[in-house]
């Protein structure tokens, strides 16, 4: 097996391990770009919100329906994401909540 094939096999194995952990946790996990665009959401969050990947991926996290309860909540979320992008630590919710852009 050549080096490229070995790298591809290793990458696929790593991706399977990540996806298994990502989708099997009981916590809601999402990955966003620095622009606040969702790039991945775990199955737990999708199941709870009764949404599909296509309804949330490539859309703004701040515009997701679970943040539309209060405009103030959306503003706080946007601020927290901006702080994360700028490297400032900010907690905006009473529940365990973490935002990290990739």
C-alpha atoms as a PDB file:
ATOM      1  CA  UNK A   1       0.000   0.000   0.000  1.00  0.00           C
ATOM      2  CA  UNK A   2       1.483   3.371  -0.992  1.00  0.00           C
ATOM      3  CA  UNK A   3       1.712   6.351   1.350  1.00  0.00           C
ATOM      4  CA  UNK A   4      -1.345   8.137  -0.080  1.00  0.00           C
ATOM      5  CA  UNK A   5      -3.506   5.043   0.349  1.00  0.00           C
ATOM      6  CA  UNK A   6      -2.306   4.666   3.956  1.00  0.00           C
ATOM      7  CA  UNK A   7      -3.159   8.309   4.675  1.00  0.00           C
ATOM      8  CA  UNK A   8      -6.641   7.850   3.180  1.00  0.00           C
ATOM      9  CA  UNK A   9      -7.298   4.730   5.275  1.00  0.00           C
ATOM     10  CA  UNK A  10      -6.101   6.498   8.426  1.00  0.00           C
ATOM     11  CA  UNK A  11      -8.234   9.548   7.611  1.00  0.00           C
ATOM     12  CA  UNK A  12     -11.380   7.440   7.037  1.00  0.00           C
ATOM     13  CA  UNK A  13     -10.839   5.599  10.337  1.00  0.00           C
ATOM     14  CA  UNK A  14     -10.367   8.890  12.184  1.00  0.00           C
ATOM     15  CA  UNK A  15     -13.485  10.353  10.560  1.00  0.00           C
ATOM     16  CA  UNK A  16     -15.567   7.309  11.614  1.00  0.00           C
ATOM     17  CA  UNK A  17     -14.333   7.622  15.202  1.00  0.00           C
ATOM     18  CA  UNK A  18     -15.130  11.337  15.282  1.00  0.00           C
ATOM     19  CA  UNK A  19     -18.588  10.855  13.771  1.00  0.00           C
ATOM     20  CA  UNK A  20     -19.422   8.084  16.225  1.00  0.00           C
ATOM     21  CA  UNK A  21     -18.550  10.213  19.261  1.00  0.00           C
ATOM     22  CA  UNK A  22     -20.103  13.334  17.735  1.00  0.00           C
ATOM     23  CA  UNK A  23     -23.445  11.677  17.012  1.00  0.00           C
ATOM     24  CA  UNK A  24     -23.725   9.457  20.097  1.00  0.00           C
ATOM     25  CA  UNK A  25     -23.326  12.104  22.795  1.00  0.00           C
ATOM     26  CA  UNK A  26     -26.406  13.240  24.688  1.00  0.00           C
ATOM     27  CA  UNK A  27     -25.325  16.892  24.397  1.00  0.00           C
ATOM     28  CA  UNK A  28     -26.157  19.164  21.488  1.00  0.00           C
ATOM     29  CA  UNK A  29     -23.023  19.772  19.445  1.00  0.00           C
ATOM     30  CA  UNK A  30     -22.644  22.042  16.482  1.00  0.00           C
ATOM     31  CA  UNK A  31     -19.700  23.324  14.502  1.00  0.00           C
ATOM     32  CA  UNK A  32     -19.823  26.802  13.015  1.00  0.00           C
ATOM     33  CA  UNK A  33     -17.596  28.912  10.835  1.00  0.00           C
ATOM     34  CA  UNK A  34     -16.468  32.317  12.098  1.00  0.00           C
ATOM     35  CA  UNK A  35     -19.318  33.778  10.022  1.00  0.00           C
ATOM     36  CA  UNK A  36     -21.818  31.964  12.283  1.00  0.00           C
ATOM     37  CA  UNK A  37     -22.681  29.513   9.495  1.00  0.00           C
ATOM     38  CA  UNK A  38     -23.441  25.985  10.736  1.00  0.00           C
ATOM     39  CA  UNK A  39     -21.194  23.406   9.126  1.00  0.00           C
ATOM     40  CA  UNK A  40     -22.254  20.414  11.201  1.00  0.00           C
ATOM     41  CA  UNK A  41     -24.819  19.551  13.874  1.00  0.00           C
ATOM     42  CA  UNK A  42     -24.901  16.269  15.753  1.00  0.00           C
ATOM     43  CA  UNK A  43     -27.775  13.829  15.521  1.00  0.00           C
ATOM     44  CA  UNK A  44     -28.921  14.542  19.100  1.00  0.00           C
ATOM     45  CA  UNK A  45     -29.541  18.201  18.279  1.00  0.00           C
ATOM     46  CA  UNK A  46     -31.203  17.329  14.972  1.00  0.00           C
ATOM     47  CA  UNK A  47     -33.512  14.789  16.617  1.00  0.00           C
ATOM     48  CA  UNK A  48     -34.499  17.167  19.420  1.00  0.00           C
ATOM     49  CA  UNK A  49     -35.227  20.047  17.054  1.00  0.00           C
ATOM     50  CA  UNK A  50     -36.939  17.764  14.519  1.00  0.00           C
ATOM     51  CA  UNK A  51     -34.776  19.240  11.757  1.00  0.00           C
ATOM     52  CA  UNK A  52     -32.700  17.692   9.016  1.00  0.00           C
ATOM     53  CA  UNK A  53     -29.137  18.524   8.009  1.00  0.00           C
ATOM     54  CA  UNK A  54     -30.382  20.323   4.919  1.00  0.00           C
ATOM     55  CA  UNK A  55     -32.563  22.624   7.036  1.00  0.00           C
ATOM     56  CA  UNK A  56     -29.669  23.888   9.165  1.00  0.00           C
ATOM     57  CA  UNK A  57     -26.302  23.199   7.538  1.00  0.00           C
ATOM     58  CA  UNK A  58     -24.993  26.219   5.593  1.00  0.00           C
ATOM     59  CA  UNK A  59     -27.457  28.488   7.399  1.00  0.00           C
ATOM     60  CA  UNK A  60     -26.716  31.018  10.114  1.00  0.00           C
ATOM     61  CA  UNK A  61     -26.809  29.590  13.628  1.00  0.00           C
ATOM     62  CA  UNK A  62     -28.317  32.868  14.830  1.00  0.00           C
ATOM     63  CA  UNK A  63     -31.294  32.424  12.500  1.00  0.00           C
ATOM     64  CA  UNK A  64     -32.095  28.892  13.636  1.00  0.00           C
ATOM     65  CA  UNK A  65     -35.608  28.604  14.987  1.00  0.00           C
ATOM     66  CA  UNK A  66     -34.532  27.608  18.502  1.00  0.00           C
ATOM     67  CA  UNK A  67     -32.935  31.066  18.962  1.00  0.00           C
ATOM     68  CA  UNK A  68     -35.943  33.022  17.728  1.00  0.00           C
ATOM     69  CA  UNK A  69     -37.794  32.972  21.057  1.00  0.00           C
ATOM     70  CA  UNK A  70     -36.393  36.365  22.020  1.00  0.00           C
ATOM     71  CA  UNK A  71     -34.558  38.936  19.911  1.00  0.00           C
ATOM     72  CA  UNK A  72     -32.357  39.566  22.984  1.00  0.00           C
ATOM     73  CA  UNK A  73     -31.240  35.916  22.866  1.00  0.00           C
ATOM     74  CA  UNK A  74     -30.220  36.248  19.216  1.00  0.00           C
ATOM     75  CA  UNK A  75     -28.253  39.429  19.977  1.00  0.00           C
ATOM     76  CA  UNK A  76     -26.462  37.717  22.894  1.00  0.00           C
ATOM     77  CA  UNK A  77     -25.645  34.728  20.681  1.00  0.00           C
ATOM     78  CA  UNK A  78     -24.204  36.930  17.949  1.00  0.00           C
ATOM     79  CA  UNK A  79     -22.119  38.715  20.586  1.00  0.00           C
ATOM     80  CA  UNK A  80     -20.850  35.434  22.051  1.00  0.00           C
ATOM     81  CA  UNK A  81     -19.839  34.171  18.625  1.00  0.00           C
ATOM     82  CA  UNK A  82     -18.079  37.453  17.861  1.00  0.00           C
ATOM     83  CA  UNK A  83     -16.260  37.228  21.211  1.00  0.00           C
ATOM     84  CA  UNK A  84     -15.180  33.671  20.402  1.00  0.00           C
ATOM     85  CA  UNK A  85     -13.857  34.701  17.008  1.00  0.00           C
ATOM     86  CA  UNK A  86     -11.985  37.586  18.657  1.00  0.00           C
ATOM     87  CA  UNK A  87     -10.736  35.344  21.471  1.00  0.00           C
ATOM     88  CA  UNK A  88     -12.888  36.741  24.304  1.00  0.00           C
ATOM     89  CA  UNK A  89     -14.503  34.311  26.778  1.00  0.00           C
ATOM     90  CA  UNK A  90     -18.227  35.021  27.303  1.00  0.00           C
ATOM     91  CA  UNK A  91     -21.006  32.933  28.870  1.00  0.00           C
ATOM     92  CA  UNK A  92     -24.540  33.838  27.770  1.00  0.00           C
ATOM     93  CA  UNK A  93     -26.784  31.063  29.032  1.00  0.00           C
ATOM     94  CA  UNK A  94     -27.716  29.553  32.350  1.00  0.00           C
ATOM     95  CA  UNK A  95     -27.344  26.050  30.943  1.00  0.00           C
ATOM     96  CA  UNK A  96     -24.034  24.475  29.991  1.00  0.00           C
ATOM     97  CA  UNK A  97     -23.279  26.116  26.696  1.00  0.00           C
ATOM     98  CA  UNK A  98     -20.124  26.497  24.710  1.00  0.00           C
ATOM     99  CA  UNK A  99     -19.417  28.122  21.359  1.00  0.00           C
ATOM    100  CA  UNK A 100     -16.255  27.462  19.382  1.00  0.00           C
ATOM    101  CA  UNK A 101     -15.780  28.456  15.776  1.00  0.00           C
ATOM    102  CA  UNK A 102     -13.618  26.362  13.461  1.00  0.00           C
END
